[in-house]
Amino acid sequence: MVMFLFLVIALVVVVAAVTLAVLGGSGSGALPEVEPERFADPLPPDRPLRRADVEAVRFPMTLRGYRMVDVDEALDRLGAELAERDARIAELETALAGAQATAVGGPGLFERYGSGEYAAQEPAPGPAPGPVPEDRPPGGRGPADRPAERPEEDR
């Protein structure tokens, strides 16, 4: 019986404490509405993104994971940055290829071939054609043009 009386008194004390906390409490009324945790975009809008910027991104947790809107906005920003970089890389590679073609072939490489400029030119300067030496047959090799004999073990 003493135990039953103790449990009833403990139950009354707990109910009274909860009632006082709910009704009387702090006197300030109901708790203010808590704003949902929002993604404060740490991605800098004034400069291109760096690796450290992407590594620093942290999305707030919700009941079922991350807010899809926050993740989509961050991925859209990263996609736009990558598209800009890819376009710039393609532009620079095209300019480099053009500069290399100009450096190898000269500024008017294609115009000169098309206009027949090379057909009208005189042959390149070289040794003047002269009489064929007596020890060399015409169009053939003479003894001075033959390679030196090598020993058998070098072959």
N, C-alpha and C. Protein backbone atom coordinates (compact mmCIF):
# COMPACT_ATOMS: atom_id res chain seq x y z
N MET A 1 0.82 -1.18 0.00
CA MET A 1 0.00 0.00 0.00
C MET A 1 0.87 1.25 0.00
N VAL A 2 1.94 1.23 0.71
CA VAL A 2 2.84 2.37 0.77
C VAL A 2 3.44 2.61 -0.62
N MET A 3 3.68 1.58 -1.29
CA MET A 3 4.27 1.71 -2.62
C MET A 3 3.24 2.34 -3.57
N PHE A 4 2.00 1.97 -3.51
CA PHE A 4 0.95 2.52 -4.35
C PHE A 4 0.80 4.00 -4.10
N LEU A 5 0.82 4.40 -2.81
CA LEU A 5 0.70 5.80 -2.44
C LEU A 5 1.88 6.61 -2.99
N PHE A 6 3.05 6.06 -2.93
CA PHE A 6 4.26 6.73 -3.46
C PHE A 6 4.14 6.95 -4.97
N LEU A 7 3.66 5.96 -5.72
CA LEU A 7 3.51 6.09 -7.17
C LEU A 7 2.45 7.12 -7.54
N VAL A 8 1.35 7.22 -6.78
CA VAL A 8 0.32 8.21 -7.05
C VAL A 8 0.87 9.60 -6.83
N ILE A 9 1.60 9.80 -5.72
CA ILE A 9 2.18 11.12 -5.42
C ILE A 9 3.19 11.50 -6.51
N ALA A 10 4.01 10.59 -6.96
CA ALA A 10 5.01 10.86 -8.01
C ALA A 10 4.30 11.22 -9.31
N LEU A 11 3.20 10.55 -9.61
CA LEU A 11 2.45 10.84 -10.82
C LEU A 11 1.83 12.22 -10.77
N VAL A 12 1.31 12.63 -9.63
CA VAL A 12 0.72 13.96 -9.47
C VAL A 12 1.80 15.02 -9.61
N VAL A 13 2.97 14.81 -9.06
CA VAL A 13 4.07 15.79 -9.16
C VAL A 13 4.50 15.94 -10.62
N VAL A 14 4.62 14.88 -11.36
CA VAL A 14 5.04 14.93 -12.76
C VAL A 14 3.99 15.66 -13.60
N VAL A 15 2.70 15.35 -13.39
CA VAL A 15 1.64 16.01 -14.15
C VAL A 15 1.61 17.50 -13.85
N ALA A 16 1.80 17.87 -12.59
CA ALA A 16 1.81 19.28 -12.20
C ALA A 16 2.99 20.01 -12.82
N ALA A 17 4.14 19.41 -12.84
CA ALA A 17 5.33 20.04 -13.43
C ALA A 17 5.14 20.26 -14.92
N VAL A 18 4.59 19.28 -15.60
CA VAL A 18 4.37 19.41 -17.04
C VAL A 18 3.32 20.48 -17.30
N THR A 19 2.27 20.54 -16.52
CA THR A 19 1.23 21.54 -16.70
C THR A 19 1.78 22.94 -16.48
N LEU A 20 2.56 23.13 -15.45
CA LEU A 20 3.18 24.43 -15.19
C LEU A 20 4.14 24.83 -16.32
N ALA A 21 4.87 23.88 -16.84
CA ALA A 21 5.82 24.19 -17.91
C ALA A 21 5.10 24.60 -19.19
N VAL A 22 4.00 23.93 -19.49
CA VAL A 22 3.28 24.22 -20.72
C VAL A 22 2.50 25.52 -20.59
N LEU A 23 1.78 25.72 -19.51
CA LEU A 23 0.93 26.89 -19.36
C LEU A 23 1.68 28.12 -18.87
N GLY A 24 2.43 28.01 -17.85
CA GLY A 24 3.09 29.17 -17.24
C GLY A 24 4.42 29.46 -17.89
N GLY A 25 5.25 28.51 -17.89
CA GLY A 25 6.58 28.58 -18.50
C GLY A 25 7.32 29.87 -18.29
N SER A 26 7.81 30.44 -19.36
CA SER A 26 8.65 31.61 -19.29
C SER A 26 7.88 32.91 -19.41
N GLY A 27 6.64 32.87 -19.76
CA GLY A 27 5.86 34.10 -19.86
C GLY A 27 6.02 34.78 -21.20
N SER A 28 6.83 34.28 -22.08
CA SER A 28 7.02 34.91 -23.38
C SER A 28 6.07 34.35 -24.42
N GLY A 29 5.26 33.46 -24.09
CA GLY A 29 4.30 32.89 -25.03
C GLY A 29 4.88 31.71 -25.76
N ALA A 30 4.38 31.50 -26.94
CA ALA A 30 4.82 30.36 -27.74
C ALA A 30 6.23 30.61 -28.27
N LEU A 31 6.87 29.53 -28.56
CA LEU A 31 8.21 29.62 -29.12
C LEU A 31 8.15 30.22 -30.52
N PRO A 32 9.11 31.02 -30.87
CA PRO A 32 9.10 31.61 -32.21
C PRO A 32 9.33 30.52 -33.26
N GLU A 33 8.83 30.78 -34.46
CA GLU A 33 9.03 29.84 -35.56
C GLU A 33 10.52 29.79 -35.92
N VAL A 34 11.00 28.61 -36.06
CA VAL A 34 12.40 28.42 -36.45
C VAL A 34 12.46 28.40 -37.97
N GLU A 35 13.34 29.23 -38.50
CA GLU A 35 13.52 29.23 -39.95
C GLU A 35 14.21 27.95 -40.36
N PRO A 36 13.79 27.37 -41.45
CA PRO A 36 14.47 26.15 -41.88
C PRO A 36 15.91 26.48 -42.27
N GLU A 37 16.77 25.54 -42.02
CA GLU A 37 18.18 25.76 -42.35
C GLU A 37 18.29 25.84 -43.87
N ARG A 38 18.85 26.93 -44.35
CA ARG A 38 18.98 27.17 -45.78
C ARG A 38 20.44 27.07 -46.19
N PHE A 39 20.62 26.78 -47.45
CA PHE A 39 21.95 26.69 -48.02
C PHE A 39 22.46 28.09 -48.29
N ALA A 40 23.45 28.49 -47.53
CA ALA A 40 24.09 29.78 -47.78
C ALA A 40 25.17 29.52 -48.82
N ASP A 41 24.93 29.95 -50.05
CA ASP A 41 25.80 29.63 -51.17
C ASP A 41 27.22 30.14 -50.92
N PRO A 42 28.15 29.24 -50.58
CA PRO A 42 29.52 29.69 -50.38
C PRO A 42 30.29 29.80 -51.69
N LEU A 43 29.65 29.45 -52.81
CA LEU A 43 30.33 29.55 -54.10
C LEU A 43 30.43 31.02 -54.49
N PRO A 44 31.63 31.53 -54.69
CA PRO A 44 31.80 32.96 -54.96
C PRO A 44 31.22 33.36 -56.31
N PRO A 45 30.36 34.37 -56.32
CA PRO A 45 29.76 34.80 -57.59
C PRO A 45 30.66 35.74 -58.40
N ASP A 46 31.70 36.29 -57.78
CA ASP A 46 32.50 37.33 -58.43
C ASP A 46 33.77 36.80 -59.10
N ARG A 47 34.03 35.50 -59.03
CA ARG A 47 35.23 34.96 -59.65
C ARG A 47 34.96 33.50 -60.04
N PRO A 48 35.80 32.96 -60.92
CA PRO A 48 35.63 31.55 -61.28
C PRO A 48 35.87 30.63 -60.08
N LEU A 49 35.23 29.49 -60.13
CA LEU A 49 35.36 28.54 -59.02
C LEU A 49 36.72 27.87 -59.03
N ARG A 50 37.16 27.52 -57.85
CA ARG A 50 38.41 26.77 -57.68
C ARG A 50 38.08 25.46 -56.99
N ARG A 51 39.06 24.60 -56.94
CA ARG A 51 38.86 23.30 -56.31
C ARG A 51 38.50 23.46 -54.84
N ALA A 52 39.14 24.38 -54.15
CA ALA A 52 38.86 24.60 -52.73
C ALA A 52 37.42 25.06 -52.50
N ASP A 53 36.87 25.84 -53.44
CA ASP A 53 35.48 26.28 -53.32
C ASP A 53 34.52 25.09 -53.35
N VAL A 54 34.78 24.17 -54.27
CA VAL A 54 33.92 23.01 -54.41
C VAL A 54 34.05 22.10 -53.19
N GLU A 55 35.28 21.95 -52.69
CA GLU A 55 35.48 21.10 -51.51
C GLU A 55 34.84 21.69 -50.26
N ALA A 56 34.67 23.00 -50.22
CA ALA A 56 34.11 23.66 -49.03
C ALA A 56 32.58 23.63 -48.99
N VAL A 57 31.93 23.22 -50.07
CA VAL A 57 30.47 23.22 -50.12
C VAL A 57 29.93 22.17 -49.16
N ARG A 58 29.04 22.60 -48.28
CA ARG A 58 28.35 21.71 -47.35
C ARG A 58 26.87 22.04 -47.40
N PHE A 59 26.05 21.04 -47.67
CA PHE A 59 24.62 21.24 -47.76
C PHE A 59 23.97 20.91 -46.42
N PRO A 60 22.96 21.68 -46.02
CA PRO A 60 22.27 21.38 -44.76
C PRO A 60 21.44 20.11 -44.90
N MET A 61 21.37 19.36 -43.83
CA MET A 61 20.62 18.10 -43.82
C MET A 61 19.14 18.39 -43.57
N THR A 62 18.28 17.60 -44.20
CA THR A 62 16.85 17.65 -43.94
C THR A 62 16.41 16.26 -43.51
N LEU A 63 15.13 16.09 -43.36
CA LEU A 63 14.61 14.82 -42.88
C LEU A 63 15.02 13.66 -43.78
N ARG A 64 14.98 13.86 -45.07
CA ARG A 64 15.27 12.78 -46.00
C ARG A 64 16.57 13.01 -46.78
N GLY A 65 17.51 13.70 -46.23
CA GLY A 65 18.79 13.92 -46.91
C GLY A 65 19.03 15.40 -47.13
N TYR A 66 19.44 15.75 -48.34
CA TYR A 66 19.71 17.14 -48.69
C TYR A 66 18.51 17.71 -49.44
N ARG A 67 18.37 19.04 -49.38
CA ARG A 67 17.31 19.68 -50.16
C ARG A 67 17.73 19.66 -51.62
N MET A 68 16.87 19.12 -52.45
CA MET A 68 17.20 18.98 -53.87
C MET A 68 17.39 20.33 -54.54
N VAL A 69 16.69 21.34 -54.12
CA VAL A 69 16.81 22.67 -54.72
C VAL A 69 18.23 23.21 -54.51
N ASP A 70 18.75 23.05 -53.30
CA ASP A 70 20.11 23.53 -53.01
C ASP A 70 21.15 22.79 -53.84
N VAL A 71 21.01 21.48 -53.91
CA VAL A 71 21.97 20.68 -54.67
C VAL A 71 21.87 21.02 -56.16
N ASP A 72 20.65 21.17 -56.67
CA ASP A 72 20.48 21.51 -58.09
C ASP A 72 21.09 22.87 -58.43
N GLU A 73 20.92 23.85 -57.55
CA GLU A 73 21.50 25.17 -57.80
C GLU A 73 23.02 25.10 -57.85
N ALA A 74 23.61 24.36 -56.91
CA ALA A 74 25.07 24.24 -56.89
C ALA A 74 25.57 23.50 -58.13
N LEU A 75 24.88 22.44 -58.53
CA LEU A 75 25.28 21.70 -59.72
C LEU A 75 25.10 22.52 -61.00
N ASP A 76 24.05 23.34 -61.05
CA ASP A 76 23.86 24.23 -62.20
C ASP A 76 25.02 25.21 -62.31
N ARG A 77 25.43 25.76 -61.18
CA ARG A 77 26.55 26.71 -61.18
C ARG A 77 27.84 26.03 -61.64
N LEU A 78 28.10 24.82 -61.13
CA LEU A 78 29.29 24.09 -61.54
C LEU A 78 29.24 23.73 -63.02
N GLY A 79 28.06 23.33 -63.51
CA GLY A 79 27.91 23.01 -64.92
C GLY A 79 28.17 24.21 -65.82
N ALA A 80 27.67 25.37 -65.41
CA ALA A 80 27.89 26.60 -66.19
C ALA A 80 29.37 26.96 -66.22
N GLU A 81 30.05 26.82 -65.08
CA GLU A 81 31.49 27.12 -65.03
C GLU A 81 32.27 26.16 -65.93
N LEU A 82 31.92 24.88 -65.91
CA LEU A 82 32.62 23.91 -66.76
C LEU A 82 32.36 24.18 -68.24
N ALA A 83 31.15 24.57 -68.59
CA ALA A 83 30.84 24.89 -69.98
C ALA A 83 31.65 26.09 -70.46
N GLU A 84 31.78 27.11 -69.60
CA GLU A 84 32.59 28.29 -69.96
C GLU A 84 34.04 27.91 -70.15
N ARG A 85 34.57 27.06 -69.26
CA ARG A 85 35.97 26.65 -69.38
C ARG A 85 36.19 25.81 -70.62
N ASP A 86 35.26 24.90 -70.93
CA ASP A 86 35.40 24.08 -72.13
C ASP A 86 35.38 24.95 -73.39
N ALA A 87 34.51 25.95 -73.43
CA ALA A 87 34.46 26.85 -74.58
C ALA A 87 35.76 27.63 -74.71
N ARG A 88 36.29 28.09 -73.61
CA ARG A 88 37.55 28.85 -73.63
C ARG A 88 38.71 27.96 -74.07
N ILE A 89 38.75 26.73 -73.59
CA ILE A 89 39.81 25.79 -73.98
C ILE A 89 39.73 25.51 -75.48
N ALA A 90 38.51 25.28 -76.01
CA ALA A 90 38.36 25.04 -77.44
C ALA A 90 38.80 26.25 -78.25
N GLU A 91 38.46 27.45 -77.78
CA GLU A 91 38.87 28.68 -78.47
C GLU A 91 40.40 28.81 -78.50
N LEU A 92 41.05 28.53 -77.37
CA LEU A 92 42.51 28.63 -77.31
C LEU A 92 43.18 27.56 -78.15
N GLU A 93 42.62 26.34 -78.16
CA GLU A 93 43.20 25.29 -78.99
C GLU A 93 43.09 25.62 -80.47
N THR A 94 41.98 26.22 -80.88
CA THR A 94 41.81 26.63 -82.27
C THR A 94 42.82 27.72 -82.63
N ALA A 95 42.99 28.68 -81.74
CA ALA A 95 43.96 29.75 -81.99
C ALA A 95 45.38 29.19 -82.05
N LEU A 96 45.68 28.22 -81.19
CA LEU A 96 47.01 27.61 -81.19
C LEU A 96 47.25 26.84 -82.48
N ALA A 97 46.27 26.09 -82.93
CA ALA A 97 46.41 25.34 -84.18
C ALA A 97 46.63 26.29 -85.36
N GLY A 98 45.91 27.40 -85.37
CA GLY A 98 46.09 28.38 -86.43
C GLY A 98 47.48 29.00 -86.40
N ALA A 99 47.95 29.30 -85.18
CA ALA A 99 49.29 29.89 -85.05
C ALA A 99 50.36 28.89 -85.47
N GLN A 100 50.18 27.62 -85.13
CA GLN A 100 51.16 26.61 -85.52
C GLN A 100 51.17 26.42 -87.03
N ALA A 101 50.00 26.42 -87.66
CA ALA A 101 49.94 26.27 -89.12
C ALA A 101 50.62 27.46 -89.80
N THR A 102 50.42 28.64 -89.27
CA THR A 102 51.05 29.83 -89.84
C THR A 102 52.56 29.77 -89.65
N ALA A 103 53.01 29.30 -88.48
CA ALA A 103 54.44 29.24 -88.21
C ALA A 103 55.13 28.19 -89.08
N VAL A 104 54.49 27.08 -89.36
CA VAL A 104 55.09 26.01 -90.15
C VAL A 104 55.07 26.36 -91.63
N GLY A 105 53.94 26.85 -92.13
CA GLY A 105 53.80 27.06 -93.57
C GLY A 105 54.01 28.48 -94.02
N GLY A 106 54.13 29.40 -93.12
CA GLY A 106 54.26 30.79 -93.52
C GLY A 106 52.89 31.43 -93.62
N PRO A 107 52.84 32.74 -93.71
CA PRO A 107 51.56 33.44 -93.68
C PRO A 107 50.67 33.17 -94.89
N GLY A 108 51.22 32.95 -96.07
CA GLY A 108 50.38 32.77 -97.25
C GLY A 108 50.54 31.40 -97.85
N LEU A 109 50.63 30.37 -97.04
CA LEU A 109 50.92 29.02 -97.52
C LEU A 109 49.90 28.57 -98.56
N PHE A 110 48.65 28.70 -98.29
CA PHE A 110 47.63 28.18 -99.19
C PHE A 110 47.41 29.08 -100.40
N GLU A 111 47.60 30.36 -100.27
CA GLU A 111 47.43 31.25 -101.40
C GLU A 111 48.52 31.03 -102.44
N ARG A 112 49.75 30.78 -102.00
CA ARG A 112 50.85 30.61 -102.95
C ARG A 112 50.66 29.36 -103.79
N TYR A 113 50.21 28.28 -103.20
CA TYR A 113 50.03 27.06 -103.98
C TYR A 113 48.90 27.21 -104.99
N GLY A 114 47.85 27.87 -104.61
CA GLY A 114 46.71 28.01 -105.50
C GLY A 114 46.98 28.95 -106.66
N SER A 115 47.85 29.91 -106.52
CA SER A 115 48.06 30.90 -107.58
C SER A 115 49.09 30.47 -108.60
N GLY A 116 49.72 29.36 -108.41
CA GLY A 116 50.71 28.88 -109.37
C GLY A 116 52.03 29.62 -109.25
N GLU A 117 52.28 30.24 -108.14
CA GLU A 117 53.49 31.02 -107.95
C GLU A 117 54.73 30.14 -108.06
N TYR A 118 54.62 28.90 -107.54
CA TYR A 118 55.80 28.04 -107.54
C TYR A 118 56.09 27.48 -108.93
N ALA A 119 55.10 27.36 -109.77
CA ALA A 119 55.32 26.84 -111.13
C ALA A 119 56.12 27.83 -111.96
N ALA A 120 55.97 29.13 -111.70
CA ALA A 120 56.64 30.15 -112.49
C ALA A 120 58.02 30.48 -111.96
N GLN A 121 58.37 29.93 -110.80
CA GLN A 121 59.68 30.26 -110.23
C GLN A 121 60.79 29.51 -110.96
N GLU A 122 61.98 30.08 -110.88
CA GLU A 122 63.15 29.42 -111.44
C GLU A 122 63.59 28.33 -110.48
N PRO A 123 64.35 27.37 -110.94
CA PRO A 123 64.82 26.31 -110.05
C PRO A 123 65.70 26.88 -108.95
N ALA A 124 65.75 26.18 -107.86
CA ALA A 124 66.54 26.62 -106.72
C ALA A 124 68.01 26.65 -107.09
N PRO A 125 68.74 27.63 -106.55
CA PRO A 125 70.17 27.71 -106.88
C PRO A 125 70.90 26.48 -106.33
N GLY A 126 71.83 25.99 -107.07
CA GLY A 126 72.62 24.83 -106.66
C GLY A 126 73.88 24.79 -107.50
N PRO A 127 74.54 23.67 -107.52
CA PRO A 127 75.74 23.60 -108.36
C PRO A 127 75.37 23.71 -109.84
N ALA A 128 76.11 24.49 -110.51
CA ALA A 128 75.83 24.73 -111.92
C ALA A 128 76.10 23.45 -112.71
N PRO A 129 75.20 23.14 -113.62
CA PRO A 129 75.47 21.94 -114.42
C PRO A 129 76.68 22.19 -115.30
N GLY A 130 77.50 21.26 -115.34
CA GLY A 130 78.73 21.40 -116.13
C GLY A 130 79.02 20.11 -116.87
N PRO A 131 80.18 20.02 -117.42
CA PRO A 131 80.53 18.79 -118.15
C PRO A 131 80.67 17.63 -117.17
N VAL A 132 80.34 16.47 -117.64
CA VAL A 132 80.43 15.26 -116.82
C VAL A 132 81.89 14.85 -116.77
N PRO A 133 82.41 14.59 -115.57
CA PRO A 133 83.82 14.15 -115.50
C PRO A 133 84.02 12.86 -116.27
N GLU A 134 85.23 12.66 -116.74
CA GLU A 134 85.53 11.51 -117.58
C GLU A 134 85.44 10.21 -116.81
N ASP A 135 85.75 10.24 -115.49
CA ASP A 135 85.73 8.99 -114.74
C ASP A 135 84.33 8.63 -114.27
N ARG A 136 83.37 9.49 -114.51
CA ARG A 136 81.99 9.23 -114.07
C ARG A 136 81.11 9.11 -115.30
N PRO A 137 80.38 8.02 -115.40
CA PRO A 137 79.47 7.89 -116.54
C PRO A 137 78.28 8.82 -116.37
N PRO A 138 77.68 9.28 -117.44
CA PRO A 138 76.53 10.19 -117.32
C PRO A 138 75.39 9.50 -116.57
N GLY A 139 74.86 10.18 -115.54
CA GLY A 139 73.74 9.66 -114.76
C GLY A 139 74.12 8.54 -113.82
N GLY A 140 75.34 8.12 -113.77
CA GLY A 140 75.73 7.00 -112.91
C GLY A 140 76.68 7.46 -111.83
N ARG A 141 77.14 6.51 -111.09
CA ARG A 141 78.08 6.81 -110.02
C ARG A 141 79.49 6.50 -110.47
N GLY A 142 80.35 7.33 -110.01
CA GLY A 142 81.74 7.10 -110.30
C GLY A 142 82.43 6.44 -109.13
N PRO A 143 83.70 6.17 -109.24
CA PRO A 143 84.43 5.51 -108.15
C PRO A 143 84.48 6.36 -106.90
N ALA A 144 84.43 7.68 -107.04
CA ALA A 144 84.51 8.54 -105.84
C ALA A 144 83.21 8.50 -105.04
N ASP A 145 82.09 8.12 -105.69
CA ASP A 145 80.81 8.12 -105.00
C ASP A 145 80.51 6.81 -104.29
N ARG A 146 81.29 5.78 -104.48
CA ARG A 146 81.02 4.50 -103.86
C ARG A 146 81.35 4.56 -102.38
N PRO A 147 80.54 3.89 -101.55
CA PRO A 147 80.86 3.87 -100.12
C PRO A 147 82.09 3.04 -99.87
N ALA A 148 82.78 3.37 -98.83
CA ALA A 148 84.00 2.63 -98.46
C ALA A 148 83.59 1.23 -98.02
N GLU A 149 84.45 0.30 -98.31
CA GLU A 149 84.18 -1.08 -97.90
C GLU A 149 84.34 -1.19 -96.40
N ARG A 150 83.42 -1.92 -95.80
CA ARG A 150 83.48 -2.13 -94.36
C ARG A 150 83.97 -3.54 -94.09
N PRO A 151 84.60 -3.71 -92.96
CA PRO A 151 85.02 -5.09 -92.61
C PRO A 151 83.80 -5.98 -92.43
N GLU A 152 84.02 -7.26 -92.55
CA GLU A 152 82.94 -8.26 -92.50
C GLU A 152 82.21 -8.23 -91.17
N GLU A 153 82.89 -8.00 -90.05
CA GLU A 153 82.22 -8.06 -88.74
C GLU A 153 81.32 -6.86 -88.49
N ASP A 154 81.42 -5.74 -89.20
CA ASP A 154 80.55 -4.57 -89.00
C ASP A 154 79.22 -4.74 -89.70
N ARG A 155 79.13 -5.64 -90.64
CA ARG A 155 77.90 -5.77 -91.41
C ARG A 155 76.81 -6.37 -90.64
